[in-house]
Amino acid sequence: MMSSYSWSSWLPLRSNLKGLSAYGAPQLPLMIKLNTNENPYGLSAELVEKILAEIKAESANLNRYPDRDALQLRSKLASFINKLSNTNFTEKIFGQLMEVMKLFNQFS
């Protein structure tokens, strides 16, 4: 699909991709829109109640600043990384992260 959209010159696009546009799901006037990943069924009453209960519990602390040291987040990330450290998956992800960091470093 060709597009008249002009990509910014700083984007590192391959020359064979510059004339293309991203896929966009057409908005068709149909009752069920499976092409846009819409769920033809509503949420279950049980799920709605769970969501509302979580919102109610979390909203009690909305007047507080988050933990500036992110201790809970850091602890959970450390636990997750520790579980991954016993697999080859970690090496692959680390290599990919390094490539992304190198890419961003080129444009900063």
PDB file of N, CA and C in Angstrom:
ATOM      1  N   MET A   1       0.845  -1.176   0.000  1.00  0.00           N
ATOM      2  CA  MET A   1       0.000   0.000   0.000  1.00  0.00           C
ATOM      3  C   MET A   1       0.889   1.238   0.000  1.00  0.00           C
ATOM      4  N   MET A   2       0.704   2.077  -0.943  1.00  0.00           N
ATOM      5  CA  MET A   2       1.492   3.303  -1.036  1.00  0.00           C
ATOM      6  C   MET A   2       0.812   4.400  -0.239  1.00  0.00           C
ATOM      7  N   SER A   3       1.615   5.337   0.197  1.00  0.00           N
ATOM      8  CA  SER A   3       1.086   6.421   1.015  1.00  0.00           C
ATOM      9  C   SER A   3       1.693   7.733   0.567  1.00  0.00           C
ATOM     10  N   SER A   4       0.928   8.811   0.732  1.00  0.00           N
ATOM     11  CA  SER A   4       1.475  10.135   0.439  1.00  0.00           C
ATOM     12  C   SER A   4       2.163  10.704   1.673  1.00  0.00           C
ATOM     13  N   TYR A   5       2.129   9.948   2.777  1.00  0.00           N
ATOM     14  CA  TYR A   5       2.759  10.405   4.012  1.00  0.00           C
ATOM     15  C   TYR A   5       4.266  10.445   3.841  1.00  0.00           C
ATOM     16  N   SER A   6       4.885  11.501   4.304  1.00  0.00           N
ATOM     17  CA  SER A   6       6.329  11.630   4.209  1.00  0.00           C
ATOM     18  C   SER A   6       6.954  11.358   5.572  1.00  0.00           C
ATOM     19  N   TRP A   7       7.796  10.346   5.651  1.00  0.00           N
ATOM     20  CA  TRP A   7       8.454  10.019   6.908  1.00  0.00           C
ATOM     21  C   TRP A   7       9.490  11.080   7.245  1.00  0.00           C
ATOM     22  N   SER A   8       9.685  11.310   8.530  1.00  0.00           N
ATOM     23  CA  SER A   8      10.725  12.245   8.962  1.00  0.00           C
ATOM     24  C   SER A   8      12.082  11.763   8.488  1.00  0.00           C
ATOM     25  N   SER A   9      12.919  12.692   8.120  1.00  0.00           N
ATOM     26  CA  SER A   9      14.214  12.329   7.555  1.00  0.00           C
ATOM     27  C   SER A   9      15.135  11.658   8.575  1.00  0.00           C
ATOM     28  N   TRP A  10      14.906  11.860   9.868  1.00  0.00           N
ATOM     29  CA  TRP A  10      15.791  11.270  10.865  1.00  0.00           C
ATOM     30  C   TRP A  10      15.480   9.804  11.156  1.00  0.00           C
ATOM     31  N   LEU A  11      14.325   9.304  10.678  1.00  0.00           N
ATOM     32  CA  LEU A  11      13.989   7.903  10.925  1.00  0.00           C
ATOM     33  C   LEU A  11      14.904   6.993  10.125  1.00  0.00           C
ATOM     34  N   PRO A  12      15.461   5.979  10.764  1.00  0.00           N
ATOM     35  CA  PRO A  12      16.384   5.075  10.066  1.00  0.00           C
ATOM     36  C   PRO A  12      15.649   4.003   9.266  1.00  0.00           C
ATOM     37  N   LEU A  13      14.912   4.429   8.220  1.00  0.00           N
ATOM     38  CA  LEU A  13      14.161   3.486   7.407  1.00  0.00           C
ATOM     39  C   LEU A  13      14.989   3.015   6.216  1.00  0.00           C
ATOM     40  N   ARG A  14      14.830   1.729   5.908  1.00  0.00           N
ATOM     41  CA  ARG A  14      15.465   1.215   4.700  1.00  0.00           C
ATOM     42  C   ARG A  14      14.801   1.858   3.500  1.00  0.00           C
ATOM     43  N   SER A  15      15.534   2.049   2.446  1.00  0.00           N
ATOM     44  CA  SER A  15      15.017   2.744   1.262  1.00  0.00           C
ATOM     45  C   SER A  15      13.802   2.036   0.663  1.00  0.00           C
ATOM     46  N   ASN A  16      13.752   0.696   0.740  1.00  0.00           N
ATOM     47  CA  ASN A  16      12.613  -0.023   0.161  1.00  0.00           C
ATOM     48  C   ASN A  16      11.349   0.076   1.027  1.00  0.00           C
ATOM     49  N   LEU A  17      11.446   0.678   2.213  1.00  0.00           N
ATOM     50  CA  LEU A  17      10.280   0.838   3.074  1.00  0.00           C
ATOM     51  C   LEU A  17       9.747   2.271   3.082  1.00  0.00           C
ATOM     52  N   LYS A  18      10.503   3.204   2.585  1.00  0.00           N
ATOM     53  CA  LYS A  18      10.131   4.615   2.694  1.00  0.00           C
ATOM     54  C   LYS A  18       8.824   4.972   2.010  1.00  0.00           C
ATOM     55  N   GLY A  19       8.450   4.314   0.945  1.00  0.00           N
ATOM     56  CA  GLY A  19       7.215   4.637   0.246  1.00  0.00           C
ATOM     57  C   GLY A  19       6.000   3.913   0.775  1.00  0.00           C
ATOM     58  N   LEU A  20       6.179   3.063   1.781  1.00  0.00           N
ATOM     59  CA  LEU A  20       5.081   2.261   2.312  1.00  0.00           C
ATOM     60  C   LEU A  20       4.469   2.903   3.545  1.00  0.00           C
ATOM     61  N   SER A  21       3.248   2.519   3.855  1.00  0.00           N
ATOM     62  CA  SER A  21       2.612   2.981   5.085  1.00  0.00           C
ATOM     63  C   SER A  21       2.269   1.768   5.938  1.00  0.00           C
ATOM     64  N   ALA A  22       2.055   1.996   7.200  1.00  0.00           N
ATOM     65  CA  ALA A  22       1.711   0.915   8.117  1.00  0.00           C
ATOM     66  C   ALA A  22       0.283   0.449   7.855  1.00  0.00           C
ATOM     67  N   TYR A  23       0.000  -0.790   8.201  1.00  0.00           N
ATOM     68  CA  TYR A  23      -1.347  -1.325   8.039  1.00  0.00           C
ATOM     69  C   TYR A  23      -2.276  -0.645   9.031  1.00  0.00           C
ATOM     70  N   GLY A  24      -3.442  -0.312   8.585  1.00  0.00           N
ATOM     71  CA  GLY A  24      -4.469   0.220   9.470  1.00  0.00           C
ATOM     72  C   GLY A  24      -5.752  -0.537   9.201  1.00  0.00           C
ATOM     73  N   ALA A  25      -6.366  -1.038  10.233  1.00  0.00           N
ATOM     74  CA  ALA A  25      -7.606  -1.797  10.064  1.00  0.00           C
ATOM     75  C   ALA A  25      -8.720  -0.848   9.640  1.00  0.00           C
ATOM     76  N   PRO A  26      -9.363  -1.127   8.531  1.00  0.00           N
ATOM     77  CA  PRO A  26     -10.431  -0.232   8.089  1.00  0.00           C
ATOM     78  C   PRO A  26     -11.605  -0.250   9.054  1.00  0.00           C
ATOM     79  N   GLN A  27     -12.198   0.897   9.275  1.00  0.00           N
ATOM     80  CA  GLN A  27     -13.347   1.008  10.162  1.00  0.00           C
ATOM     81  C   GLN A  27     -14.611   0.801   9.331  1.00  0.00           C
ATOM     82  N   LEU A  28     -15.092  -0.411   9.305  1.00  0.00           N
ATOM     83  CA  LEU A  28     -16.266  -0.749   8.509  1.00  0.00           C
ATOM     84  C   LEU A  28     -17.521  -0.619   9.357  1.00  0.00           C
ATOM     85  N   PRO A  29     -18.633  -0.177   8.780  1.00  0.00           N
ATOM     86  CA  PRO A  29     -19.870   0.009   9.542  1.00  0.00           C
ATOM     87  C   PRO A  29     -20.610  -1.306   9.774  1.00  0.00           C
ATOM     88  N   LEU A  30     -19.965  -2.226  10.470  1.00  0.00           N
ATOM     89  CA  LEU A  30     -20.554  -3.524  10.759  1.00  0.00           C
ATOM     90  C   LEU A  30     -20.814  -3.660  12.251  1.00  0.00           C
ATOM     91  N   MET A  31     -21.731  -4.542  12.614  1.00  0.00           N
ATOM     92  CA  MET A  31     -22.058  -4.732  14.022  1.00  0.00           C
ATOM     93  C   MET A  31     -20.889  -5.361  14.790  1.00  0.00           C
ATOM     94  N   ILE A  32     -20.264  -6.365  14.207  1.00  0.00           N
ATOM     95  CA  ILE A  32     -19.134  -7.044  14.838  1.00  0.00           C
ATOM     96  C   ILE A  32     -17.899  -6.772  13.989  1.00  0.00           C
ATOM     97  N   LYS A  33     -16.896  -6.172  14.589  1.00  0.00           N
ATOM     98  CA  LYS A  33     -15.700  -5.743  13.859  1.00  0.00           C
ATOM     99  C   LYS A  33     -14.505  -6.611  14.228  1.00  0.00           C
ATOM    100  N   LEU A  34     -14.497  -7.824  13.723  1.00  0.00           N
ATOM    101  CA  LEU A  34     -13.412  -8.743  14.057  1.00  0.00           C
ATOM    102  C   LEU A  34     -12.090  -8.320  13.436  1.00  0.00           C
ATOM    103  N   ASN A  35     -12.125  -7.516  12.371  1.00  0.00           N
ATOM    104  CA  ASN A  35     -10.884  -7.081  11.744  1.00  0.00           C
ATOM    105  C   ASN A  35     -10.122  -6.096  12.627  1.00  0.00           C
ATOM    106  N   THR A  36     -10.767  -5.519  13.633  1.00  0.00           N
ATOM    107  CA  THR A  36     -10.094  -4.585  14.538  1.00  0.00           C
ATOM    108  C   THR A  36      -9.944  -5.184  15.932  1.00  0.00           C
ATOM    109  N   ASN A  37     -10.013  -6.493  16.006  1.00  0.00           N
ATOM    110  CA  ASN A  37      -9.849  -7.236  17.260  1.00  0.00           C
ATOM    111  C   ASN A  37     -10.852  -6.850  18.325  1.00  0.00           C
ATOM    112  N   GLU A  38     -12.040  -6.428  17.920  1.00  0.00           N
ATOM    113  CA  GLU A  38     -13.066  -6.135  18.905  1.00  0.00           C
ATOM    114  C   GLU A  38     -13.687  -7.432  19.380  1.00  0.00           C
ATOM    115  N   ASN A  39     -14.002  -7.469  20.651  1.00  0.00           N
ATOM    116  CA  ASN A  39     -14.647  -8.619  21.248  1.00  0.00           C
ATOM    117  C   ASN A  39     -16.146  -8.483  21.028  1.00  0.00           C
ATOM    118  N   PRO A  40     -16.777  -9.436  20.346  1.00  0.00           N
ATOM    119  CA  PRO A  40     -18.215  -9.314  20.105  1.00  0.00           C
ATOM    120  C   PRO A  40     -19.050  -9.529  21.364  1.00  0.00           C
ATOM    121  N   TYR A  41     -18.424  -9.952  22.438  1.00  0.00           N
ATOM    122  CA  TYR A  41     -19.124 -10.182  23.696  1.00  0.00           C
ATOM    123  C   TYR A  41     -18.663  -9.147  24.720  1.00  0.00           C
ATOM    124  N   GLY A  42     -19.524  -8.799  25.625  1.00  0.00           N
ATOM    125  CA  GLY A  42     -19.144  -7.878  26.687  1.00  0.00           C
ATOM    126  C   GLY A  42     -18.285  -8.574  27.734  1.00  0.00           C
ATOM    127  N   LEU A  43     -17.755  -7.783  28.666  1.00  0.00           N
ATOM    128  CA  LEU A  43     -17.008  -8.368  29.776  1.00  0.00           C
ATOM    129  C   LEU A  43     -17.957  -9.117  30.689  1.00  0.00           C
ATOM    130  N   SER A  44     -17.462 -10.179  31.299  1.00  0.00           N
ATOM    131  CA  SER A  44     -18.305 -10.925  32.229  1.00  0.00           C
ATOM    132  C   SER A  44     -18.537 -10.090  33.481  1.00  0.00           C
ATOM    133  N   ALA A  45     -19.659 -10.304  34.138  1.00  0.00           N
ATOM    134  CA  ALA A  45     -19.981  -9.566  35.366  1.00  0.00           C
ATOM    135  C   ALA A  45     -18.910  -9.805  36.426  1.00  0.00           C
ATOM    136  N   GLU A  46     -18.370 -11.011  36.476  1.00  0.00           N
ATOM    137  CA  GLU A  46     -17.325 -11.338  37.449  1.00  0.00           C
ATOM    138  C   GLU A  46     -16.068 -10.505  37.194  1.00  0.00           C
ATOM    139  N   LEU A  47     -15.675 -10.369  35.931  1.00  0.00           N
ATOM    140  CA  LEU A  47     -14.501  -9.581  35.593  1.00  0.00           C
ATOM    141  C   LEU A  47     -14.720  -8.104  35.905  1.00  0.00           C
ATOM    142  N   VAL A  48     -15.889  -7.590  35.575  1.00  0.00           N
ATOM    143  CA  VAL A  48     -16.206  -6.193  35.874  1.00  0.00           C
ATOM    144  C   VAL A  48     -16.101  -5.941  37.380  1.00  0.00           C
ATOM    145  N   GLU A  49     -16.608  -6.848  38.177  1.00  0.00           N
ATOM    146  CA  GLU A  49     -16.535  -6.692  39.637  1.00  0.00           C
ATOM    147  C   GLU A  49     -15.089  -6.724  40.126  1.00  0.00           C
ATOM    148  N   LYS A  50     -14.262  -7.596  39.553  1.00  0.00           N
ATOM    149  CA  LYS A  50     -12.844  -7.659  39.947  1.00  0.00           C
ATOM    150  C   LYS A  50     -12.122  -6.367  39.585  1.00  0.00           C
ATOM    151  N   ILE A  51     -12.401  -5.846  38.408  1.00  0.00           N
ATOM    152  CA  ILE A  51     -11.774  -4.593  37.978  1.00  0.00           C
ATOM    153  C   ILE A  51     -12.178  -3.460  38.911  1.00  0.00           C
ATOM    154  N   LEU A  52     -13.466  -3.375  39.202  1.00  0.00           N
ATOM    155  CA  LEU A  52     -13.952  -2.314  40.091  1.00  0.00           C
ATOM    156  C   LEU A  52     -13.369  -2.436  41.495  1.00  0.00           C
ATOM    157  N   ALA A  53     -13.219  -3.662  41.980  1.00  0.00           N
ATOM    158  CA  ALA A  53     -12.633  -3.874  43.312  1.00  0.00           C
ATOM    159  C   ALA A  53     -11.175  -3.405  43.336  1.00  0.00           C
ATOM    160  N   GLU A  54     -10.426  -3.698  42.272  1.00  0.00           N
ATOM    161  CA  GLU A  54      -9.027  -3.255  42.200  1.00  0.00           C
ATOM    162  C   GLU A  54      -8.931  -1.732  42.123  1.00  0.00           C
ATOM    163  N   ILE A  55      -9.815  -1.122  41.347  1.00  0.00           N
ATOM    164  CA  ILE A  55      -9.822   0.341  41.253  1.00  0.00           C
ATOM    165  C   ILE A  55     -10.131   0.944  42.609  1.00  0.00           C
ATOM    166  N   LYS A  56     -11.100   0.389  43.307  1.00  0.00           N
ATOM    167  CA  LYS A  56     -11.474   0.898  44.628  1.00  0.00           C
ATOM    168  C   LYS A  56     -10.308   0.768  45.610  1.00  0.00           C
ATOM    169  N   ALA A  57      -9.632  -0.368  45.599  1.00  0.00           N
ATOM    170  CA  ALA A  57      -8.505  -0.583  46.510  1.00  0.00           C
ATOM    171  C   ALA A  57      -7.361   0.383  46.204  1.00  0.00           C
ATOM    172  N   GLU A  58      -7.039   0.556  44.940  1.00  0.00           N
ATOM    173  CA  GLU A  58      -5.930   1.435  44.563  1.00  0.00           C
ATOM    174  C   GLU A  58      -6.252   2.907  44.761  1.00  0.00           C
ATOM    175  N   SER A  59      -7.518   3.273  44.596  1.00  0.00           N
ATOM    176  CA  SER A  59      -7.886   4.686  44.689  1.00  0.00           C
ATOM    177  C   SER A  59      -7.731   5.236  46.107  1.00  0.00           C
ATOM    178  N   ALA A  60      -7.635   4.370  47.097  1.00  0.00           N
ATOM    179  CA  ALA A  60      -7.445   4.825  48.476  1.00  0.00           C
ATOM    180  C   ALA A  60      -6.089   5.502  48.663  1.00  0.00           C
ATOM    181  N   ASN A  61      -5.122   5.224  47.785  1.00  0.00           N
ATOM    182  CA  ASN A  61      -3.776   5.779  47.917  1.00  0.00           C
ATOM    183  C   ASN A  61      -3.415   6.764  46.819  1.00  0.00           C
ATOM    184  N   LEU A  62      -4.393   7.268  46.094  1.00  0.00           N
ATOM    185  CA  LEU A  62      -4.101   8.172  44.994  1.00  0.00           C
ATOM    186  C   LEU A  62      -3.621   9.539  45.453  1.00  0.00           C
ATOM    187  N   ASN A  63      -3.764   9.847  46.714  1.00  0.00           N
ATOM    188  CA  ASN A  63      -3.295  11.138  47.222  1.00  0.00           C
ATOM    189  C   ASN A  63      -1.838  11.083  47.679  1.00  0.00           C
ATOM    190  N   ARG A  64      -1.163  10.013  47.416  1.00  0.00           N
ATOM    191  CA  ARG A  64       0.228   9.834  47.840  1.00  0.00           C
ATOM    192  C   ARG A  64       1.152   9.796  46.632  1.00  0.00           C
ATOM    193  N   TYR A  65       2.351  10.336  46.800  1.00  0.00           N
ATOM    194  CA  TYR A  65       3.360  10.209  45.755  1.00  0.00           C
ATOM    195  C   TYR A  65       3.837   8.767  45.713  1.00  0.00           C
ATOM    196  N   PRO A  66       4.209   8.281  44.535  1.00  0.00           N
ATOM    197  CA  PRO A  66       4.747   6.920  44.468  1.00  0.00           C
ATOM    198  C   PRO A  66       6.118   6.859  45.133  1.00  0.00           C
ATOM    199  N   ASP A  67       6.514   5.668  45.463  1.00  0.00           N
ATOM    200  CA  ASP A  67       7.829   5.442  46.064  1.00  0.00           C
ATOM    201  C   ASP A  67       8.903   5.912  45.086  1.00  0.00           C
ATOM    202  N   ARG A  68       9.616   6.979  45.446  1.00  0.00           N
ATOM    203  CA  ARG A  68      10.587   7.540  44.497  1.00  0.00           C
ATOM    204  C   ARG A  68      11.752   6.605  44.209  1.00  0.00           C
ATOM    205  N   ASP A  69      12.012   5.663  45.094  1.00  0.00           N
ATOM    206  CA  ASP A  69      13.085   4.698  44.849  1.00  0.00           C
ATOM    207  C   ASP A  69      12.581   3.442  44.144  1.00  0.00           C
ATOM    208  N   ALA A  70      11.267   3.368  43.924  1.00  0.00           N
ATOM    209  CA  ALA A  70      10.638   2.244  43.209  1.00  0.00           C
ATOM    210  C   ALA A  70      11.097   0.902  43.767  1.00  0.00           C
ATOM    211  N   LEU A  71      11.094   0.770  45.078  1.00  0.00           N
ATOM    212  CA  LEU A  71      11.610  -0.450  45.716  1.00  0.00           C
ATOM    213  C   LEU A  71      10.826  -1.698  45.329  1.00  0.00           C
ATOM    214  N   GLN A  72       9.500  -1.586  45.300  1.00  0.00           N
ATOM    215  CA  GLN A  72       8.700  -2.754  44.943  1.00  0.00           C
ATOM    216  C   GLN A  72       8.944  -3.142  43.481  1.00  0.00           C
ATOM    217  N   LEU A  73       8.969  -2.170  42.598  1.00  0.00           N
ATOM    218  CA  LEU A  73       9.234  -2.436  41.186  1.00  0.00           C
ATOM    219  C   LEU A  73      10.619  -3.052  41.001  1.00  0.00           C
ATOM    220  N   ARG A  74      11.619  -2.470  41.648  1.00  0.00           N
ATOM    221  CA  ARG A  74      12.982  -2.976  41.522  1.00  0.00           C
ATOM    222  C   ARG A  74      13.101  -4.393  42.059  1.00  0.00           C
ATOM    223  N   SER A  75      12.397  -4.680  43.148  1.00  0.00           N
ATOM    224  CA  SER A  75      12.425  -6.015  43.732  1.00  0.00           C
ATOM    225  C   SER A  75      11.800  -7.030  42.779  1.00  0.00           C
ATOM    226  N   LYS A  76      10.663  -6.667  42.189  1.00  0.00           N
ATOM    227  CA  LYS A  76      10.004  -7.588  41.262  1.00  0.00           C
ATOM    228  C   LYS A  76      10.825  -7.786  39.995  1.00  0.00           C
ATOM    229  N   LEU A  77      11.449  -6.718  39.502  1.00  0.00           N
ATOM    230  CA  LEU A  77      12.305  -6.849  38.320  1.00  0.00           C
ATOM    231  C   LEU A  77      13.510  -7.735  38.619  1.00  0.00           C
ATOM    232  N   ALA A  78      14.107  -7.557  39.794  1.00  0.00           N
ATOM    233  CA  ALA A  78      15.262  -8.380  40.175  1.00  0.00           C
ATOM    234  C   ALA A  78      14.863  -9.846  40.252  1.00  0.00           C
ATOM    235  N   SER A  79      13.687 -10.112  40.804  1.00  0.00           N
ATOM    236  CA  SER A  79      13.211 -11.489  40.900  1.00  0.00           C
ATOM    237  C   SER A  79      12.986 -12.077  39.507  1.00  0.00           C
ATOM    238  N   PHE A  80      12.390 -11.285  38.625  1.00  0.00           N
ATOM    239  CA  PHE A  80      12.131 -11.734  37.256  1.00  0.00           C
ATOM    240  C   PHE A  80      13.442 -12.006  36.525  1.00  0.00           C
ATOM    241  N   ILE A  81      14.387 -11.090  36.636  1.00  0.00           N
ATOM    242  CA  ILE A  81      15.680 -11.255  35.969  1.00  0.00           C
ATOM    243  C   ILE A  81      16.426 -12.456  36.527  1.00  0.00           C
ATOM    244  N   ASN A  82      16.327 -12.667  37.830  1.00  0.00           N
ATOM    245  CA  ASN A  82      16.984 -13.809  38.457  1.00  0.00           C
ATOM    246  C   ASN A  82      16.429 -15.114  37.905  1.00  0.00           C
ATOM    247  N   LYS A  83      15.110 -15.166  37.676  1.00  0.00           N
ATOM    248  CA  LYS A  83      14.509 -16.375  37.106  1.00  0.00           C
ATOM    249  C   LYS A  83      14.996 -16.591  35.684  1.00  0.00           C
ATOM    250  N   LEU A  84      15.175 -15.498  34.934  1.00  0.00           N
ATOM    251  CA  LEU A  84      15.619 -15.616  33.549  1.00  0.00           C
ATOM    252  C   LEU A  84      17.100 -15.951  33.432  1.00  0.00           C
ATOM    253  N   SER A  85      17.856 -15.653  34.485  1.00  0.00           N
ATOM    254  CA  SER A  85      19.310 -15.787  34.384  1.00  0.00           C
ATOM    255  C   SER A  85      19.769 -17.225  34.178  1.00  0.00           C
ATOM    256  N   ASN A  86      18.896 -18.164  34.409  1.00  0.00           N
ATOM    257  CA  ASN A  86      19.262 -19.563  34.218  1.00  0.00           C
ATOM    258  C   ASN A  86      18.933 -20.071  32.822  1.00  0.00           C
ATOM    259  N   THR A  87      18.593 -19.169  31.899  1.00  0.00           N
ATOM    260  CA  THR A  87      18.195 -19.599  30.565  1.00  0.00           C
ATOM    261  C   THR A  87      18.997 -18.861  29.496  1.00  0.00           C
ATOM    262  N   ASN A  88      18.987 -19.390  28.302  1.00  0.00           N
ATOM    263  CA  ASN A  88      19.619 -18.721  27.163  1.00  0.00           C
ATOM    264  C   ASN A  88      18.805 -17.514  26.721  1.00  0.00           C
ATOM    265  N   PHE A  89      17.539 -17.482  27.133  1.00  0.00           N
ATOM    266  CA  PHE A  89      16.659 -16.377  26.775  1.00  0.00           C
ATOM    267  C   PHE A  89      17.257 -15.056  27.228  1.00  0.00           C
ATOM    268  N   THR A  90      17.863 -15.038  28.411  1.00  0.00           N
ATOM    269  CA  THR A  90      18.447 -13.809  28.954  1.00  0.00           C
ATOM    270  C   THR A  90      19.530 -13.272  28.028  1.00  0.00           C
ATOM    271  N   GLU A  91      20.377 -14.152  27.530  1.00  0.00           N
ATOM    272  CA  GLU A  91      21.454 -13.713  26.639  1.00  0.00           C
ATOM    273  C   GLU A  91      20.892 -13.095  25.365  1.00  0.00           C
ATOM    274  N   LYS A  92      19.855 -13.695  24.822  1.00  0.00           N
ATOM    275  CA  LYS A  92      19.254 -13.181  23.598  1.00  0.00           C
ATOM    276  C   LYS A  92      18.627 -11.812  23.847  1.00  0.00           C
ATOM    277  N   ILE A  93      17.872 -11.696  24.937  1.00  0.00           N
ATOM    278  CA  ILE A  93      17.209 -10.427  25.259  1.00  0.00           C
ATOM    279  C   ILE A  93      18.254  -9.352  25.533  1.00  0.00           C
ATOM    280  N   PHE A  94      19.287  -9.698  26.269  1.00  0.00           N
ATOM    281  CA  PHE A  94      20.326  -8.718  26.577  1.00  0.00           C
ATOM    282  C   PHE A  94      20.981  -8.222  25.289  1.00  0.00           C
ATOM    283  N   GLY A  95      21.259  -9.131  24.380  1.00  0.00           N
ATOM    284  CA  GLY A  95      21.853  -8.746  23.106  1.00  0.00           C
ATOM    285  C   GLY A  95      20.946  -7.818  22.319  1.00  0.00           C
ATOM    286  N   GLN A  96      19.640  -8.103  22.321  1.00  0.00           N
ATOM    287  CA  GLN A  96      18.687  -7.256  21.617  1.00  0.00           C
ATOM    288  C   GLN A  96      18.578  -5.885  22.283  1.00  0.00           C
ATOM    289  N   LEU A  97      18.588  -5.861  23.602  1.00  0.00           N
ATOM    290  CA  LEU A  97      18.532  -4.581  24.314  1.00  0.00           C
ATOM    291  C   LEU A  97      19.761  -3.736  24.011  1.00  0.00           C
ATOM    292  N   MET A  98      20.897  -4.362  23.923  1.00  0.00           N
ATOM    293  CA  MET A  98      22.114  -3.631  23.598  1.00  0.00           C
ATOM    294  C   MET A  98      22.014  -3.027  22.194  1.00  0.00           C
ATOM    295  N   GLU A  99      21.445  -3.773  21.250  1.00  0.00           N
ATOM    296  CA  GLU A  99      21.283  -3.259  19.894  1.00  0.00           C
ATOM    297  C   GLU A  99      20.347  -2.057  19.875  1.00  0.00           C
ATOM    298  N   VAL A 100      19.256  -2.132  20.637  1.00  0.00           N
ATOM    299  CA  VAL A 100      18.315  -1.003  20.717  1.00  0.00           C
ATOM    300  C   VAL A 100      18.996   0.206  21.334  1.00  0.00           C
ATOM    301  N   MET A 101      19.767  -0.022  22.388  1.00  0.00           N
ATOM    302  CA  MET A 101      20.469   1.086  23.047  1.00  0.00           C
ATOM    303  C   MET A 101      21.474   1.730  22.083  1.00  0.00           C
ATOM    304  N   LYS A 102      22.160   0.919  21.298  1.00  0.00           N
ATOM    305  CA  LYS A 102      23.092   1.457  20.317  1.00  0.00           C
ATOM    306  C   LYS A 102      22.358   2.316  19.283  1.00  0.00           C
ATOM    307  N   LEU A 103      21.190   1.828  18.859  1.00  0.00           N
ATOM    308  CA  LEU A 103      20.403   2.560  17.873  1.00  0.00           C
ATOM    309  C   LEU A 103      19.984   3.924  18.424  1.00  0.00           C
ATOM    310  N   PHE A 104      19.474   3.952  19.637  1.00  0.00           N
ATOM    311  CA  PHE A 104      19.042   5.218  20.228  1.00  0.00           C
ATOM    312  C   PHE A 104      20.221   6.139  20.487  1.00  0.00           C
ATOM    313  N   ASN A 105      21.364   5.575  20.798  1.00  0.00           N
ATOM    314  CA  ASN A 105      22.540   6.379  21.043  1.00  0.00           C
ATOM    315  C   ASN A 105      22.974   7.128  19.775  1.00  0.00           C
ATOM    316  N   GLN A 106      22.694   6.547  18.620  1.00  0.00           N
ATOM    317  CA  GLN A 106      23.061   7.184  17.351  1.00  0.00           C
ATOM    318  C   GLN A 106      22.244   8.455  17.111  1.00  0.00           C
ATOM    319  N   PHE A 107      21.031   8.525  17.657  1.00  0.00           N
ATOM    320  CA  PHE A 107      20.137   9.632  17.362  1.00  0.00           C
ATOM    321  C   PHE A 107      20.012  10.613  18.512  1.00  0.00           C
ATOM    322  N   SER A 108      20.721  10.405  19.591  1.00  0.00           N
ATOM    323  CA  SER A 108      20.596  11.337  20.731  1.00  0.00           C
ATOM    324  C   SER A 108      21.656  12.421  20.681  1.00  0.00           C
TER     325      SER A 108
END
